[in-house]
Amino acid sequence: MLEIKNLNLSVGLRYLIMNLTITLNHGDKLALIGEEGNGKSTLLKAIVGMAEYAKTDGIIDHKNNIIGYLKQFF
């Protein structure tokens, strides 16, 4: 299970996400859709703890699950 509560995600003065609350249970699927530069990859990096450049407020709880992240290359 992945639980996110009241997540705010910003880079500099720009908020990418405000007050996101979501729970994903085993077997659930989620698609992130949006234009380039709107924070999809930053959200995924924040979930796995790899978004040092972004400010996050809120709770991201993995519930002892292992979450993998495959870095994208251009």
C-alpha atoms as a PDB file:
ATOM      1  CA  MET A   1       0.000   0.000   0.000  1.00  0.00           C
ATOM      2  CA  LEU A   2       1.128   3.526  -0.764  1.00  0.00           C
ATOM      3  CA  GLU A   3      -0.529   6.342   1.108  1.00  0.00           C
ATOM      4  CA  ILE A   4       0.025  10.025   0.382  1.00  0.00           C
ATOM      5  CA  LYS A   5      -1.656  12.627   2.579  1.00  0.00           C
ATOM      6  CA  ASN A   6      -1.797  16.393   2.057  1.00  0.00           C
ATOM      7  CA  LEU A   7       1.268  16.458  -0.188  1.00  0.00           C
ATOM      8  CA  ASN A   8       2.527  19.799  -1.430  1.00  0.00           C
ATOM      9  CA  LEU A   9       5.351  19.659  -3.947  1.00  0.00           C
ATOM     10  CA  SER A  10       7.185  22.728  -5.189  1.00  0.00           C
ATOM     11  CA  VAL A  11      10.343  23.654  -7.054  1.00  0.00           C
ATOM     12  CA  GLY A  12      11.518  27.141  -6.243  1.00  0.00           C
ATOM     13  CA  LEU A  13       8.458  29.367  -6.041  1.00  0.00           C
ATOM     14  CA  ARG A  14       6.359  27.156  -8.350  1.00  0.00           C
ATOM     15  CA  TYR A  15       3.903  24.699  -6.801  1.00  0.00           C
ATOM     16  CA  LEU A  16       3.585  21.530  -8.873  1.00  0.00           C
ATOM     17  CA  ILE A  17       1.120  19.767  -6.558  1.00  0.00           C
ATOM     18  CA  MET A  18      -1.029  21.143  -3.783  1.00  0.00           C
ATOM     19  CA  ASN A  19      -2.841  19.076  -1.155  1.00  0.00           C
ATOM     20  CA  LEU A  20      -2.678  15.667  -2.891  1.00  0.00           C
ATOM     21  CA  THR A  21      -4.199  12.775  -0.950  1.00  0.00           C
ATOM     22  CA  ILE A  22      -4.254   9.295  -2.489  1.00  0.00           C
ATOM     23  CA  THR A  23      -4.168   5.670  -1.378  1.00  0.00           C
ATOM     24  CA  LEU A  24      -3.005   2.879  -3.687  1.00  0.00           C
ATOM     25  CA  ASN A  25      -3.699  -0.679  -2.609  1.00  0.00           C
ATOM     26  CA  HIS A  26      -2.060  -3.872  -3.850  1.00  0.00           C
ATOM     27  CA  GLY A  27      -3.077  -4.428  -7.478  1.00  0.00           C
ATOM     28  CA  ASP A  28      -4.170  -0.832  -8.099  1.00  0.00           C
ATOM     29  CA  LYS A  29      -2.880   0.965 -11.164  1.00  0.00           C
ATOM     30  CA  LEU A  30      -2.303   4.687 -11.605  1.00  0.00           C
ATOM     31  CA  ALA A  31      -1.496   6.724 -14.706  1.00  0.00           C
ATOM     32  CA  LEU A  32       0.148  10.141 -14.530  1.00  0.00           C
ATOM     33  CA  ILE A  33      -0.819  12.215 -17.542  1.00  0.00           C
ATOM     34  CA  GLY A  34       0.199  15.797 -18.195  1.00  0.00           C
ATOM     35  CA  GLU A  35       2.185  18.148 -20.319  1.00  0.00           C
ATOM     36  CA  GLU A  36       5.963  18.242 -20.198  1.00  0.00           C
ATOM     37  CA  GLY A  37       7.355  20.132 -17.216  1.00  0.00           C
ATOM     38  CA  ASN A  38       4.320  19.830 -14.948  1.00  0.00           C
ATOM     39  CA  GLY A  39       5.902  17.586 -12.302  1.00  0.00           C
ATOM     40  CA  LYS A  40       5.097  13.972 -13.189  1.00  0.00           C
ATOM     41  CA  SER A  41       8.685  12.765 -12.808  1.00  0.00           C
ATOM     42  CA  THR A  42       9.233  14.996  -9.777  1.00  0.00           C
ATOM     43  CA  LEU A  43       6.239  13.392  -8.050  1.00  0.00           C
ATOM     44  CA  LEU A  44       7.609   9.902  -8.728  1.00  0.00           C
ATOM     45  CA  LYS A  45      11.048  10.953  -7.492  1.00  0.00           C
ATOM     46  CA  ALA A  46       9.496  12.443  -4.335  1.00  0.00           C
ATOM     47  CA  ILE A  47       7.707   9.154  -3.632  1.00  0.00           C
ATOM     48  CA  VAL A  48      10.996   7.205  -3.760  1.00  0.00           C
ATOM     49  CA  GLY A  49      12.993   9.948  -1.999  1.00  0.00           C
ATOM     50  CA  MET A  50      15.076  11.102  -4.967  1.00  0.00           C
ATOM     51  CA  ALA A  51      13.764  14.668  -5.438  1.00  0.00           C
ATOM     52  CA  GLU A  52      16.319  16.593  -3.406  1.00  0.00           C
ATOM     53  CA  TYR A  53      15.746  19.678  -5.564  1.00  0.00           C
ATOM     54  CA  ALA A  54      12.031  19.855  -4.671  1.00  0.00           C
ATOM     55  CA  LYS A  55      10.379  20.901  -1.434  1.00  0.00           C
ATOM     56  CA  THR A  56       7.829  18.410  -0.135  1.00  0.00           C
ATOM     57  CA  ASP A  57       5.367  18.849   2.706  1.00  0.00           C
ATOM     58  CA  GLY A  58       2.955  16.131   3.752  1.00  0.00           C
ATOM     59  CA  ILE A  59       3.102  12.410   4.355  1.00  0.00           C
ATOM     60  CA  ILE A  60       4.356   9.752   1.944  1.00  0.00           C
ATOM     61  CA  ASP A  61       4.031   6.301   3.545  1.00  0.00           C
ATOM     62  CA  HIS A  62       5.178   3.179   1.677  1.00  0.00           C
ATOM     63  CA  LYS A  63       3.787   0.855   4.366  1.00  0.00           C
ATOM     64  CA  ASN A  64       7.050  -1.164   4.304  1.00  0.00           C
ATOM     65  CA  ASN A  65       6.753  -1.833   0.564  1.00  0.00           C
ATOM     66  CA  ILE A  66       9.715  -1.629  -1.761  1.00  0.00           C
ATOM     67  CA  ILE A  67       9.189   0.856  -4.578  1.00  0.00           C
ATOM     68  CA  GLY A  68      11.475   0.713  -7.594  1.00  0.00           C
ATOM     69  CA  TYR A  69      12.338   3.610  -9.859  1.00  0.00           C
ATOM     70  CA  LEU A  70      13.832   3.296 -13.320  1.00  0.00           C
ATOM     71  CA  LYS A  71      15.654   6.494 -14.260  1.00  0.00           C
ATOM     72  CA  GLN A  72      14.694   7.907 -17.639  1.00  0.00           C
ATOM     73  CA  PHE A  73      17.362   8.732 -20.185  1.00  0.00           C
ATOM     74  CA  PHE A  74      17.059  11.006 -23.201  1.00  0.00           C
END
